[in-house]
Amino acid sequence: MSILKTPFRYDFVGSFLRPEKLKQAKKDFSEGKITEKELNDITDECVRDIVTKQKAAGFHAITDGEFRRKFWHLDFMWGFEGIAHEKDGGGVQFNGEMADLEATYLVGKVKAKVHPFVEYFKFLKQFEDEQTVAKYTIPAPAQMYQQMIVPQNIEQTRKFYATDEELIEDIGKAYQDVIKQFYAAGCRNLQLDDCTWGAIVGDAAKQRYQSLGVDIEEVKARLLKVNNLALENRPEDMVITSHICRGNYHSTFFTSGPYDSVADYVFAQEHVDALNRSGARITGLREWTVPVKACTPQQMSGRYDVILLLTKQMANTAALPRLAEHLAPDGIVCALQNGIPEPELAAALGADRVAGGVVTWNAVRIGAGQARLSPPESSLHFKIGSLPGTDPRRLDPVKALLERFCPAEPVEDLLGLRWSKLLINAALSCPASILGGKCGAVLEDARWRRIALYLLRECIAVGHAAGVKFEPVQGYDYPAELAFSTLREEQQVLAKMPELFARNAPAVPSMLLDLQKKRPCEIGALNGFVCRTGLERGVPTPFNDTAVRLVREIAAGEKTFSPEHAVEFAALLPE
C-alpha cells in the first residue's frame, strides 16, 4: 500500500477525455452489439492506458479517469438502495447547451449496499506503487441531497421523507457505510466532487431562491450538514478532500459567480477538519505541530476562561453574542486584532472582561490548518494590556496562555499601543493594498513613501486630539521619529522611513489578500476608524479619506490595483 497522501501541491480533478475505442464500445454495448464482459475488457484496457499516462506525466495521484461512468455523479447514486433511474429525455441547461442526463429519483429509503464503485477502485488499486497513490472520486453527499429535492423530484421524495432533515440523515449514514467500504478495499484518498456550492453563488442564484421563497442561508446550512454527517466516524488515516466547481458539460458551465458567499460555510469546516485531523502546523521560522480540538461556531459548547479573538473586526458584531454565551463568568476575551476593537468589546462584555494584544509579525496561511512563519526570531513576542480602570492581574491567564508560544509582555497603556500599531497598518498596509504589492513597495516608491508619511501625520494628529499617548512599537517612538515642520525636515524623515519600517517591508497586507480574493476587508476598522475619529475631534483627514475611497472602489470592482493611484493624492500634497 502506498504511504503517499493527497492533496499534493499539484493535482488534477474530474474525468479524462474518453478514448475513441471506449466511446465506441459503450455505444456498441447500448445497441446490443457487444456483451457486458467485452465492454468491461475494453474499459479495463483503457484504464490501464490512462494510468500509464498519468505516471509518465509525473502525477503522484492516479485515477481511472472516471471511464466506467456514464455521468460523473448519477452513476454513483444508482449504487444505493432506494434510488432508480431511467432515460426520459430530460436534462439540465448549461451555458449554451442542454446537458443530456437521466432521471434519477427515489423509490424507497436511501440505504447503502455493496457499492459497485468499490470494485472499480479495487481494479485501480493494483497500479499503486511507491511513487503513486490511488485516488478515487465520488460525488459529494450534498450532490445526492440536491438531486432528490429538485422541483421534478420533490413530490416523489416526499413519499418517503416528510422532511429534508430525515433525507439528510439517511444520505449521511449511507455515505458513512460506503466510505467504510472504500477503506476496507484499501482506499486512503477519497475526493468528494461537489457542484452544489457552485450552483448557489452569484446574484442569479440569490434571486432564484428568493423567487421560490427559500432562504438561501438555510440551503447552505443543509448542504454543509449532509456533507459533515457523511464524514462522521471516518477512519483517522483516510484523507478525504473536496473539489468544488460550477459544473462542466462539453466545456460549458452551469452557473457563474464568486465563491465568497459560500466560503464561510465550506472553508471553515475544511479548516476545522484539518486541525482536528492533523493539528495546527507552523512551518518556516519554527517547525511546530500542536494537537487541537477545533469546531465551527455552530458546534461550540461549554464556557471558557480565556478566549482569544483572532477574526477580522468585521466579524465582531456577529461573534460577540456567541462570545458572551460561551465566556465563563470570570472569563476574559483577548482581542489579537488590527485596529482598536476593545471599546466595542467592552460595551458588549464589560471592560473587566476584555483585554487586547498587539502582534507585530505576520504569518501566511498555506493550507487548511497550516501557516508559514517567516519574521526574525527577535520579533516574536506579544504585547498585551487591559482597559483603563481594570485590574491588571486579569491579564495573568492570558499571559500564561500566549507564552506557550512566545513571550507576552504586559503594557500599562493598551490604547496607546493600539494606536501605534494602527499607524503601521494605515500608512503601509492600506497604500500597499491600493498599489497591489508588499509593504516594501510603498517605501521604495518616492511618491507613495511621501503619501504614507502624510497618512501617518494625520493618524498621529487624530490620536493626539483623542488624548492618545502613543507607545513605542517595533523599538520606535513613531510620532517622535516622524515629526517634521519644514520641507528639509520632511526630506530627512522620508529618507529614514525605509529603516524605520524595514521589518514590515516583506509583508503582504491581509487587506490586499482580501481584496484579491473578493472578500470584505478591514479598511473601515483601520483608515476608516481614523477618519471617523478625526471627524469627531475636528481634525481633517483628507489623505485617509482618499485612501478609504480608493480601497472601496477597488473592492467594488470600479478600480484596479495600480501605483498610479498616487495621482489621486497629488492635489493634497504641499508644494
Protein backbone atom coordinates (compact mmCIF):
# COMPACT_ATOMS: atom_id res chain seq x y z
CA MET A 1 0.00 0.00 0.00
CA SER A 2 1.27 3.48 -0.90
CA ILE A 3 2.07 5.76 2.04
CA LEU A 4 1.53 8.91 -0.02
CA LYS A 5 -1.44 11.07 0.83
CA THR A 6 -3.36 13.65 -1.10
CA PRO A 7 -3.69 16.52 -1.60
CA PHE A 8 -0.38 17.27 -3.27
CA ARG A 9 0.88 20.71 -4.29
CA TYR A 10 -0.49 19.97 -7.74
CA ASP A 11 -3.19 17.55 -8.74
CA PHE A 12 -6.00 17.09 -11.22
CA VAL A 13 -9.73 16.73 -10.76
CA GLY A 14 -12.58 15.33 -12.83
CA SER A 15 -12.78 13.00 -15.80
CA PHE A 16 -10.27 12.43 -18.55
CA LEU A 17 -11.43 12.53 -22.16
CA ARG A 18 -12.66 9.12 -23.22
CA PRO A 19 -10.59 7.42 -25.94
CA GLU A 20 -12.44 6.75 -29.16
CA LYS A 21 -12.41 2.96 -28.71
CA LEU A 22 -14.07 3.33 -25.30
CA LYS A 23 -16.80 5.62 -26.64
CA GLN A 24 -17.42 3.16 -29.49
CA ALA A 25 -17.56 0.22 -27.08
CA LYS A 26 -20.14 1.99 -24.89
CA LYS A 27 -22.21 2.73 -27.99
CA ASP A 28 -21.94 -0.85 -29.22
CA PHE A 29 -22.99 -2.19 -25.82
CA SER A 30 -26.03 0.09 -25.69
CA GLU A 31 -27.04 -1.23 -29.12
CA GLY A 32 -26.53 -4.85 -28.10
CA LYS A 33 -23.56 -5.42 -30.42
CA ILE A 34 -21.13 -6.50 -27.68
CA THR A 35 -21.53 -8.19 -24.30
CA GLU A 36 -21.01 -6.60 -20.90
CA LYS A 37 -17.80 -8.61 -20.49
CA GLU A 38 -16.46 -7.30 -23.79
CA LEU A 39 -17.25 -3.75 -22.68
CA ASN A 40 -15.53 -4.32 -19.34
CA ASP A 41 -12.44 -5.76 -21.03
CA ILE A 42 -12.12 -2.69 -23.25
CA THR A 43 -12.70 -0.41 -20.27
CA ASP A 44 -10.00 -2.21 -18.27
CA GLU A 45 -7.58 -1.74 -21.16
CA CYS A 46 -8.37 1.98 -21.35
CA VAL A 47 -7.94 2.40 -17.60
CA ARG A 48 -4.51 0.75 -17.80
CA ASP A 49 -3.55 3.15 -20.58
CA ILE A 50 -4.68 6.29 -18.71
CA VAL A 51 -2.90 5.21 -15.53
CA THR A 52 0.30 4.70 -17.52
CA LYS A 53 -0.06 8.20 -18.97
CA GLN A 54 -0.64 9.72 -15.51
CA LYS A 55 2.50 8.09 -14.17
CA ALA A 56 4.51 9.16 -17.21
CA ALA A 57 3.36 12.76 -16.65
CA GLY A 58 4.77 12.63 -13.12
CA PHE A 59 1.49 12.71 -11.21
CA HIS A 60 1.56 11.17 -7.74
CA ALA A 61 -2.20 10.61 -7.71
CA ILE A 62 -3.71 8.18 -10.16
CA THR A 63 -7.38 7.71 -11.05
CA ASP A 64 -9.29 5.55 -13.50
CA GLY A 65 -10.26 8.69 -15.41
CA GLU A 66 -13.88 8.01 -14.38
CA PHE A 67 -14.02 5.85 -17.55
CA ARG A 68 -16.56 3.41 -16.12
CA ARG A 69 -19.23 6.06 -15.61
CA LYS A 70 -21.89 7.39 -17.89
CA PHE A 71 -22.28 10.51 -15.71
CA TRP A 72 -19.84 11.92 -13.18
CA HIS A 73 -22.44 11.88 -10.38
CA LEU A 74 -25.63 9.96 -11.21
CA ASP A 75 -23.96 6.57 -11.66
CA PHE A 76 -22.74 6.70 -8.07
CA MET A 77 -26.24 7.41 -6.78
CA TRP A 78 -27.56 4.37 -8.62
CA GLY A 79 -25.36 2.22 -6.37
CA PHE A 80 -27.63 2.81 -3.33
CA GLU A 81 -30.86 1.12 -2.36
CA GLY A 82 -33.94 3.26 -2.80
CA ILE A 83 -32.72 5.05 -5.95
CA ALA A 84 -33.90 4.33 -9.50
CA HIS A 85 -33.19 5.91 -12.86
CA GLU A 86 -34.48 5.96 -16.39
CA LYS A 87 -33.77 7.68 -19.67
CA ASP A 88 -36.58 10.19 -20.06
CA GLY A 89 -35.14 12.72 -22.50
CA GLY A 90 -34.65 15.33 -19.82
CA GLY A 91 -31.58 17.30 -18.94
CA VAL A 92 -30.13 20.39 -17.29
CA GLN A 93 -29.47 23.67 -19.06
CA PHE A 94 -25.80 24.65 -19.14
CA ASN A 95 -24.43 27.81 -20.72
CA GLY A 96 -25.35 27.38 -24.37
CA GLU A 97 -26.13 23.67 -24.23
CA MET A 98 -28.59 21.24 -22.66
CA ALA A 99 -26.81 18.51 -20.71
CA ASP A 100 -28.21 15.07 -21.56
CA LEU A 101 -28.98 13.35 -18.25
CA GLU A 102 -31.10 10.51 -16.91
CA ALA A 103 -33.93 10.95 -14.47
CA THR A 104 -32.68 9.80 -11.05
CA TYR A 105 -35.19 9.63 -8.20
CA LEU A 106 -36.26 7.84 -5.02
CA VAL A 107 -38.28 4.64 -4.93
CA GLY A 108 -37.65 3.98 -1.26
CA LYS A 109 -35.48 4.91 1.70
CA VAL A 110 -31.80 5.59 0.93
CA LYS A 111 -29.61 2.77 2.22
CA ALA A 112 -26.12 1.57 1.49
CA LYS A 113 -25.40 -1.75 -0.17
CA VAL A 114 -22.29 -3.27 -1.69
CA HIS A 115 -21.33 -0.42 -3.97
CA PRO A 116 -20.05 -1.18 -7.48
CA PHE A 117 -17.63 1.77 -7.34
CA VAL A 118 -15.68 -0.05 -4.64
CA GLU A 119 -14.97 -2.83 -7.13
CA TYR A 120 -13.89 -0.20 -9.65
CA PHE A 121 -11.46 1.13 -7.06
CA LYS A 122 -10.01 -2.34 -6.42
CA PHE A 123 -9.05 -2.57 -10.09
CA LEU A 124 -7.31 0.81 -9.87
CA LYS A 125 -5.60 -0.05 -6.58
CA GLN A 126 -3.38 -2.69 -8.19
CA PHE A 127 -1.47 0.01 -10.09
CA GLU A 128 -0.37 1.84 -6.94
CA ASP A 129 3.37 1.91 -6.30
CA GLU A 130 5.86 3.76 -4.07
CA GLN A 131 5.53 6.92 -6.17
CA THR A 132 1.76 6.95 -6.64
CA VAL A 133 -1.44 6.66 -4.66
CA ALA A 134 -4.81 5.53 -5.99
CA LYS A 135 -7.30 8.36 -5.54
CA TYR A 136 -10.98 7.76 -6.12
CA THR A 137 -13.58 10.41 -6.85
CA ILE A 138 -17.26 10.31 -5.95
CA PRO A 139 -19.99 12.98 -5.86
CA ALA A 140 -20.42 14.73 -2.52
CA PRO A 141 -23.38 13.82 -0.29
CA ALA A 142 -24.79 17.30 -0.95
CA GLN A 143 -24.99 16.37 -4.61
CA MET A 144 -27.31 13.45 -3.87
CA TYR A 145 -29.39 15.54 -1.47
CA GLN A 146 -29.78 18.26 -4.09
CA GLN A 147 -30.74 15.72 -6.76
CA MET A 148 -33.64 14.47 -4.64
CA ILE A 149 -35.10 17.89 -3.84
CA VAL A 150 -35.03 19.45 -7.32
CA PRO A 151 -38.54 20.51 -8.45
CA GLN A 152 -39.05 17.47 -10.70
CA ASN A 153 -38.19 15.08 -7.82
CA ILE A 154 -39.51 16.73 -4.68
CA GLU A 155 -43.03 15.26 -4.90
CA GLN A 156 -41.64 11.74 -5.29
CA THR A 157 -39.14 12.33 -2.46
CA ARG A 158 -41.90 13.39 -0.07
CA LYS A 159 -43.50 9.95 -0.44
CA PHE A 160 -40.57 8.58 1.58
CA TYR A 161 -39.25 11.59 3.50
CA ALA A 162 -41.59 14.07 5.14
CA THR A 163 -38.73 16.48 5.83
CA ASP A 164 -35.34 17.33 4.36
CA GLU A 165 -33.78 16.59 7.76
CA GLU A 166 -34.84 12.93 7.52
CA LEU A 167 -33.43 12.69 3.99
CA ILE A 168 -30.14 14.27 5.08
CA GLU A 169 -29.86 11.80 7.95
CA ASP A 170 -30.23 8.74 5.70
CA ILE A 171 -27.91 10.08 2.99
CA GLY A 172 -25.25 10.85 5.59
CA LYS A 173 -25.46 7.38 7.14
CA ALA A 174 -25.44 5.66 3.74
CA TYR A 175 -22.30 7.59 2.75
CA GLN A 176 -20.64 6.65 6.03
CA ASP A 177 -21.17 2.99 5.14
CA VAL A 178 -19.81 3.34 1.60
CA ILE A 179 -16.78 5.29 2.85
CA LYS A 180 -16.03 2.35 5.14
CA GLN A 181 -16.35 0.03 2.14
CA PHE A 182 -13.74 2.07 0.27
CA TYR A 183 -11.49 2.00 3.33
CA ALA A 184 -11.77 -1.78 3.65
CA ALA A 185 -10.76 -2.03 -0.02
CA GLY A 186 -7.55 -0.11 0.73
CA CYS A 187 -8.65 3.39 -0.26
CA ARG A 188 -6.95 6.06 1.82
CA ASN A 189 -7.56 9.01 -0.50
CA LEU A 190 -11.12 9.89 -1.48
CA GLN A 191 -12.24 13.04 -3.30
CA LEU A 192 -15.78 14.40 -2.95
CA ASP A 193 -16.88 16.30 -6.06
CA ASP A 194 -19.44 18.99 -5.32
CA CYS A 195 -21.25 21.31 -7.72
CA THR A 196 -23.94 22.27 -5.21
CA TRP A 197 -21.93 25.18 -3.80
CA GLY A 198 -21.25 26.47 -7.29
CA ALA A 199 -24.97 26.36 -8.02
CA ILE A 200 -25.84 28.81 -5.24
CA VAL A 201 -23.22 31.51 -5.84
CA GLY A 202 -23.83 34.82 -7.56
CA ASP A 203 -26.78 37.15 -7.81
CA ALA A 204 -28.76 34.87 -10.14
CA ALA A 205 -28.86 32.09 -7.55
CA LYS A 206 -29.86 34.54 -4.82
CA GLN A 207 -32.73 35.85 -6.95
CA ARG A 208 -33.80 32.33 -7.93
CA TYR A 209 -34.14 31.24 -4.31
CA GLN A 210 -35.88 34.49 -3.37
CA SER A 211 -38.46 33.85 -6.08
CA LEU A 212 -39.06 30.40 -4.63
CA GLY A 213 -39.48 31.83 -1.15
CA VAL A 214 -36.49 29.82 0.10
CA ASP A 215 -33.87 31.19 2.48
CA ILE A 216 -30.55 30.62 0.69
CA GLU A 217 -28.68 30.66 4.02
CA GLU A 218 -30.81 27.70 5.12
CA VAL A 219 -29.88 25.91 1.88
CA LYS A 220 -26.18 26.43 2.63
CA ALA A 221 -26.62 25.10 6.16
CA ARG A 222 -28.28 21.93 4.86
CA LEU A 223 -25.57 21.32 2.25
CA LEU A 224 -22.95 21.65 4.94
CA LYS A 225 -24.90 19.42 7.33
CA VAL A 226 -25.22 16.49 4.93
CA ASN A 227 -21.55 16.69 3.92
CA ASN A 228 -20.39 16.85 7.53
CA LEU A 229 -22.66 14.00 8.59
CA ALA A 230 -21.21 11.75 5.90
CA LEU A 231 -17.71 12.40 7.26
CA GLU A 232 -18.51 11.47 10.83
CA ASN A 233 -16.75 8.36 12.13
CA ARG A 234 -14.46 8.20 9.09
CA PRO A 235 -11.15 6.39 9.67
CA GLU A 236 -8.47 8.74 11.01
CA ASP A 237 -5.89 7.71 8.41
CA MET A 238 -8.23 8.24 5.45
CA VAL A 239 -7.76 11.58 3.68
CA ILE A 240 -10.99 12.95 2.22
CA THR A 241 -10.71 16.07 0.07
CA SER A 242 -13.30 18.16 -1.72
CA HIS A 243 -13.45 19.52 -5.26
CA ILE A 244 -15.94 22.34 -5.77
CA CYS A 245 -16.84 23.76 -9.16
CA ARG A 246 -19.61 25.37 -11.20
CA GLY A 247 -20.25 22.32 -13.36
CA ASN A 248 -18.81 21.26 -16.71
CA TYR A 249 -20.53 19.77 -19.74
CA HIS A 250 -18.65 19.77 -23.04
CA SER A 251 -16.55 22.61 -21.54
CA THR A 252 -19.61 24.71 -20.75
CA PHE A 253 -20.60 25.82 -17.25
CA PHE A 254 -23.79 25.52 -15.25
CA THR A 255 -23.51 28.69 -13.20
CA SER A 256 -21.23 31.64 -12.55
CA GLY A 257 -20.36 33.98 -9.71
CA PRO A 258 -17.79 34.44 -6.94
CA TYR A 259 -17.46 31.89 -4.17
CA ASP A 260 -17.25 34.46 -1.38
CA SER A 261 -20.93 33.96 -0.46
CA VAL A 262 -20.32 30.29 0.41
CA ALA A 263 -16.69 30.42 1.53
CA ASP A 264 -17.51 30.73 5.23
CA TYR A 265 -19.59 27.54 5.08
CA VAL A 266 -17.17 25.49 3.03
CA PHE A 267 -13.72 26.51 4.11
CA ALA A 268 -14.39 26.98 7.79
CA GLN A 269 -15.32 23.32 8.06
CA GLU A 270 -12.39 22.30 5.88
CA HIS A 271 -10.10 24.21 8.22
CA VAL A 272 -11.72 22.63 11.28
CA ASP A 273 -11.39 19.13 9.85
CA ALA A 274 -7.73 19.65 9.01
CA LEU A 275 -6.99 21.00 12.50
CA ASN A 276 -8.70 18.07 14.20
CA ARG A 277 -7.06 15.53 11.91
CA SER A 278 -3.50 16.85 11.81
CA GLY A 279 -3.26 19.57 14.45
CA ALA A 280 -2.19 23.19 13.98
CA ARG A 281 1.04 23.19 11.99
CA ILE A 282 3.55 26.04 11.78
CA THR A 283 6.47 25.95 9.36
CA GLY A 284 9.26 28.33 8.41
CA LEU A 285 10.94 30.05 11.32
CA ARG A 286 9.70 27.27 13.59
CA GLU A 287 8.55 23.75 12.92
CA TRP A 288 5.70 23.10 15.29
CA THR A 289 2.62 20.88 15.23
CA VAL A 290 0.14 21.09 18.10
CA PRO A 291 -2.90 18.80 18.56
CA VAL A 292 -6.07 20.88 18.85
CA LYS A 293 -9.78 20.41 19.23
CA ALA A 294 -11.43 22.65 16.65
CA CYS A 295 -15.06 23.35 15.86
CA THR A 296 -17.24 25.76 13.93
CA PRO A 297 -19.30 28.35 15.85
CA GLN A 298 -22.37 26.16 15.41
CA GLN A 299 -20.54 23.29 17.13
CA MET A 300 -19.34 25.24 20.18
CA SER A 301 -20.35 24.19 23.67
CA GLY A 302 -19.33 24.95 27.25
CA ARG A 303 -17.74 28.04 28.78
CA TYR A 304 -14.15 29.22 28.56
CA ASP A 305 -11.85 31.10 30.96
CA VAL A 306 -9.82 32.70 28.15
CA ILE A 307 -10.97 33.37 24.58
CA LEU A 308 -8.51 34.70 22.00
CA LEU A 309 -10.37 36.70 19.36
CA LEU A 310 -8.46 36.37 16.08
CA THR A 311 -11.04 37.26 13.44
CA LYS A 312 -11.11 40.41 11.34
CA GLN A 313 -13.00 43.19 13.10
CA MET A 314 -15.85 42.94 10.58
CA ALA A 315 -16.85 39.66 12.23
CA ASN A 316 -17.08 41.09 15.74
CA THR A 317 -20.72 42.12 15.57
CA ALA A 318 -21.77 38.57 14.69
CA ALA A 319 -19.24 36.98 17.06
CA LEU A 320 -19.98 38.98 20.21
CA PRO A 321 -23.29 37.29 21.17
CA ARG A 322 -21.64 33.88 20.86
CA LEU A 323 -18.62 35.03 22.86
CA ALA A 324 -20.91 36.23 25.64
CA GLU A 325 -22.71 32.89 25.61
CA HIS A 326 -19.51 30.85 25.98
CA LEU A 327 -17.41 33.11 28.22
CA ALA A 328 -17.10 31.93 31.84
CA PRO A 329 -18.48 34.34 34.50
CA ASP A 330 -14.94 35.34 35.42
CA GLY A 331 -13.53 34.78 31.95
CA ILE A 332 -11.70 37.24 29.71
CA VAL A 333 -11.61 37.85 25.94
CA CYS A 334 -8.29 38.97 24.47
CA ALA A 335 -8.56 40.56 21.03
CA LEU A 336 -5.48 39.94 18.88
CA GLN A 337 -6.83 42.03 16.02
CA ASN A 338 -5.84 45.02 13.94
CA GLY A 339 -7.35 48.39 14.76
CA ILE A 340 -8.88 49.28 18.11
CA PRO A 341 -11.66 46.77 18.89
CA GLU A 342 -11.62 47.00 22.70
CA PRO A 343 -14.29 49.73 23.13
CA GLU A 344 -16.82 47.68 21.15
CA LEU A 345 -15.96 44.55 23.11
CA ALA A 346 -16.17 46.36 26.43
CA ALA A 347 -19.62 47.74 25.58
CA ALA A 348 -20.86 44.20 24.91
CA LEU A 349 -19.00 42.20 27.56
CA GLY A 350 -17.85 44.68 30.23
CA ALA A 351 -14.46 46.37 30.44
CA ASP A 352 -13.14 43.98 33.10
CA ARG A 353 -13.74 41.01 30.75
CA VAL A 354 -11.75 42.48 27.87
CA ALA A 355 -8.04 42.52 27.07
CA GLY A 356 -6.10 43.24 23.91
CA GLY A 357 -2.81 42.38 22.35
CA VAL A 358 -0.61 43.62 19.54
CA VAL A 359 1.19 41.33 17.11
CA THR A 360 3.97 42.97 15.10
CA TRP A 361 4.89 39.93 12.99
CA ASN A 362 2.95 38.15 10.33
CA ALA A 363 2.28 34.62 9.15
CA VAL A 364 0.86 33.33 5.89
CA ARG A 365 -1.81 30.64 5.66
CA ILE A 366 -0.53 27.97 3.28
CA GLY A 367 -3.33 25.46 3.66
CA ALA A 368 -6.06 24.20 5.94
CA GLY A 369 -4.61 24.13 9.46
CA GLN A 370 -1.16 25.28 8.25
CA ALA A 371 0.72 28.57 8.36
CA ARG A 372 4.23 29.71 7.45
CA LEU A 373 6.08 31.94 9.88
CA SER A 374 8.96 33.94 8.42
CA PRO A 375 9.80 37.04 10.55
CA PRO A 376 13.04 37.38 12.53
CA GLU A 377 13.07 35.49 15.85
CA SER A 378 13.52 38.78 17.72
CA SER A 379 10.09 39.96 16.56
CA LEU A 380 8.24 37.01 18.08
CA HIS A 381 6.53 38.46 21.11
CA PHE A 382 3.12 39.72 22.17
CA LYS A 383 2.36 42.97 23.94
CA ILE A 384 -0.85 42.77 25.92
CA GLY A 385 -2.88 45.10 28.07
CA SER A 386 -6.24 45.83 29.63
CA LEU A 387 -8.53 48.83 29.57
CA PRO A 388 -8.11 51.76 31.99
CA GLY A 389 -9.59 51.17 35.42
CA THR A 390 -9.44 47.37 35.26
CA ASP A 391 -7.38 45.04 37.43
CA PRO A 392 -4.09 44.29 35.61
CA ARG A 393 -3.98 40.87 37.32
CA ARG A 394 -6.79 39.87 34.97
CA LEU A 395 -4.09 39.56 32.30
CA ASP A 396 -2.33 36.70 34.09
CA PRO A 397 -4.22 33.79 32.41
CA VAL A 398 -3.91 35.50 29.00
CA LYS A 399 -0.16 35.92 29.50
CA ALA A 400 0.23 32.29 30.61
CA LEU A 401 -1.62 31.03 27.53
CA LEU A 402 0.25 33.18 24.99
CA GLU A 403 3.64 32.37 26.47
CA ARG A 404 3.17 28.77 25.48
CA PHE A 405 4.22 30.10 22.06
CA CYS A 406 6.40 33.16 22.68
CA PRO A 407 6.95 35.90 25.31
CA ALA A 408 3.99 38.11 26.21
CA GLU A 409 4.78 41.49 27.77
CA PRO A 410 2.05 43.39 29.68
CA VAL A 411 1.87 47.15 28.98
CA GLU A 412 0.17 49.87 31.01
CA ASP A 413 -1.36 51.77 28.11
CA LEU A 414 -3.15 49.34 25.78
CA LEU A 415 -4.85 52.03 23.70
CA GLY A 416 -1.57 53.89 23.19
CA LEU A 417 -0.04 50.66 21.92
CA ARG A 418 -3.05 50.02 19.69
CA TRP A 419 -2.78 53.45 18.09
CA SER A 420 0.94 52.91 17.40
CA LYS A 421 0.18 49.66 15.56
CA LEU A 422 -2.65 51.41 13.74
CA LEU A 423 -0.09 53.83 12.32
CA ILE A 424 1.70 50.99 10.54
CA ASN A 425 -1.47 49.49 9.07
CA ALA A 426 -2.91 52.83 7.99
CA ALA A 427 0.29 54.10 6.38
CA LEU A 428 1.71 50.88 4.87
CA SER A 429 -0.94 48.15 4.60
CA CYS A 430 -3.54 50.43 3.07
CA PRO A 431 -1.33 52.04 0.38
CA ALA A 432 0.28 48.67 -0.42
CA SER A 433 -3.21 47.27 -0.97
CA ILE A 434 -4.05 50.13 -3.32
CA LEU A 435 -0.95 49.69 -5.47
CA GLY A 436 -1.16 45.90 -5.23
CA GLY A 437 2.19 44.97 -3.67
CA LYS A 438 4.12 44.31 -0.49
CA CYS A 439 4.55 47.00 2.15
CA GLY A 440 8.07 47.47 0.85
CA ALA A 441 6.63 48.70 -2.46
CA VAL A 442 5.31 51.77 -0.64
CA LEU A 443 8.71 52.52 0.85
CA GLU A 444 10.54 52.03 -2.46
CA ASP A 445 8.32 54.41 -4.45
CA ALA A 446 9.11 58.06 -3.66
CA ARG A 447 5.54 59.15 -4.39
CA TRP A 448 3.96 56.54 -2.17
CA ARG A 449 6.50 56.98 0.61
CA ARG A 450 5.51 60.63 0.81
CA ILE A 451 1.80 59.71 0.77
CA ALA A 452 2.46 57.24 3.59
CA LEU A 453 4.16 59.98 5.60
CA TYR A 454 1.12 62.23 5.35
CA LEU A 455 -1.19 59.33 6.21
CA LEU A 456 0.96 58.84 9.30
CA ARG A 457 0.86 62.54 10.12
CA GLU A 458 -2.95 62.57 10.03
CA CYS A 459 -3.18 59.46 12.21
CA ILE A 460 -0.85 60.99 14.79
CA ALA A 461 -2.82 64.28 14.80
CA VAL A 462 -6.12 62.46 15.27
CA GLY A 463 -4.65 60.30 18.04
CA HIS A 464 -3.32 63.32 19.91
CA ALA A 465 -6.70 65.03 19.56
CA ALA A 466 -8.28 61.94 21.12
CA GLY A 467 -5.88 62.14 24.06
CA VAL A 468 -3.72 59.20 22.97
CA LYS A 469 -0.15 58.82 24.19
CA PHE A 470 1.50 56.69 21.52
CA GLU A 471 3.51 53.79 22.94
CA PRO A 472 6.77 52.62 21.35
CA VAL A 473 6.29 49.71 18.96
CA GLN A 474 8.87 47.73 16.97
CA GLY A 475 11.50 49.62 19.01
CA TYR A 476 10.45 53.09 17.79
CA ASP A 477 8.56 56.08 19.12
CA TYR A 478 6.97 56.75 15.74
CA PRO A 479 5.41 60.18 16.47
CA ALA A 480 8.82 61.45 17.57
CA GLU A 481 10.70 59.80 14.72
CA LEU A 482 8.27 61.08 12.08
CA ALA A 483 7.79 64.65 13.30
CA PHE A 484 8.67 67.46 10.90
CA SER A 485 7.76 71.10 10.36
CA THR A 486 9.89 72.18 7.41
CA LEU A 487 10.46 70.80 3.93
CA ARG A 488 14.04 69.95 4.85
CA GLU A 489 12.89 68.01 7.91
CA GLU A 490 10.30 66.25 5.77
CA GLN A 491 13.05 65.08 3.41
CA GLN A 492 15.06 63.79 6.37
CA VAL A 493 12.08 61.81 7.66
CA LEU A 494 11.37 60.40 4.22
CA ALA A 495 14.99 59.25 3.95
CA LYS A 496 14.86 57.25 7.17
CA MET A 497 11.39 55.69 6.69
CA PRO A 498 12.75 52.55 4.92
CA GLU A 499 14.85 51.87 8.02
CA LEU A 500 12.02 52.65 10.47
CA PHE A 501 9.68 50.21 8.73
CA ALA A 502 12.23 47.65 7.45
CA ARG A 503 10.58 44.88 9.47
CA ASN A 504 7.29 45.48 7.65
CA ALA A 505 8.68 45.70 4.11
CA PRO A 506 8.41 41.96 3.21
CA ALA A 507 4.82 41.68 4.42
CA VAL A 508 1.88 41.20 2.07
CA PRO A 509 -1.03 43.00 3.76
CA SER A 510 -4.01 40.85 4.65
CA MET A 511 -6.12 43.70 3.27
CA LEU A 512 -4.60 43.12 -0.16
CA LEU A 513 -5.22 39.37 0.08
CA ASP A 514 -8.85 40.06 0.96
CA LEU A 515 -9.27 42.44 -1.96
CA GLN A 516 -7.66 39.97 -4.36
CA LYS A 517 -10.00 37.22 -3.18
CA LYS A 518 -13.08 39.47 -3.31
CA ARG A 519 -13.59 39.24 0.45
CA PRO A 520 -14.61 42.08 2.78
CA CYS A 521 -11.53 43.91 4.04
CA GLU A 522 -10.66 45.85 7.20
CA ILE A 523 -10.40 49.34 5.72
CA GLY A 524 -13.29 50.54 7.91
CA ALA A 525 -11.51 49.40 11.09
CA LEU A 526 -8.18 50.97 10.10
CA ASN A 527 -8.05 54.12 7.98
CA GLY A 528 -11.84 54.39 8.25
CA PHE A 529 -11.52 54.49 12.04
CA VAL A 530 -9.00 57.33 11.74
CA CYS A 531 -11.42 59.24 9.51
CA ARG A 532 -14.37 58.78 11.88
CA THR A 533 -12.34 59.76 14.93
CA GLY A 534 -10.93 62.79 13.10
CA LEU A 535 -14.46 63.91 12.24
CA GLU A 536 -15.49 63.58 15.91
CA ARG A 537 -12.43 65.54 17.08
CA GLY A 538 -12.47 68.18 14.39
CA VAL A 539 -9.25 67.02 12.71
CA PRO A 540 -9.32 66.93 8.87
CA THR A 541 -8.17 63.64 7.32
CA PRO A 542 -8.10 64.18 3.54
CA PHE A 543 -5.31 61.63 2.91
CA ASN A 544 -7.06 58.88 4.85
CA ASP A 545 -10.41 59.84 3.31
CA THR A 546 -8.89 59.39 -0.15
CA ALA A 547 -7.25 56.09 0.81
CA VAL A 548 -10.54 54.70 2.14
CA ARG A 549 -12.35 55.76 -1.02
CA LEU A 550 -9.76 54.10 -3.29
CA VAL A 551 -9.83 50.82 -1.37
CA ARG A 552 -13.63 50.72 -1.50
CA GLU A 553 -13.61 51.46 -5.23
CA ILE A 554 -11.16 48.60 -5.78
CA ALA A 555 -13.35 46.32 -3.62
CA ALA A 556 -16.36 47.26 -5.74
CA GLY A 557 -14.50 46.48 -8.97
CA GLU A 558 -14.57 50.12 -10.07
CA LYS A 559 -10.77 50.41 -9.98
CA THR A 560 -7.82 48.03 -10.20
CA PHE A 561 -4.57 47.81 -8.22
CA SER A 562 -2.06 50.34 -9.53
CA PRO A 563 0.77 52.52 -8.20
CA GLU A 564 -0.62 55.23 -10.49
CA HIS A 565 -3.39 55.86 -7.98
CA ALA A 566 -0.78 58.13 -6.37
CA VAL A 567 -2.13 60.90 -8.62
CA GLU A 568 -5.31 60.88 -6.52
CA PHE A 569 -3.28 62.36 -3.64
CA ALA A 570 -1.30 64.86 -5.71
CA ALA A 571 -3.54 67.84 -5.01
CA LEU A 572 -3.33 67.16 -1.26
CA LEU A 573 0.46 67.25 -1.05
CA PRO A 574 2.17 70.57 -0.26
CA GLU A 575 4.42 72.03 -2.92
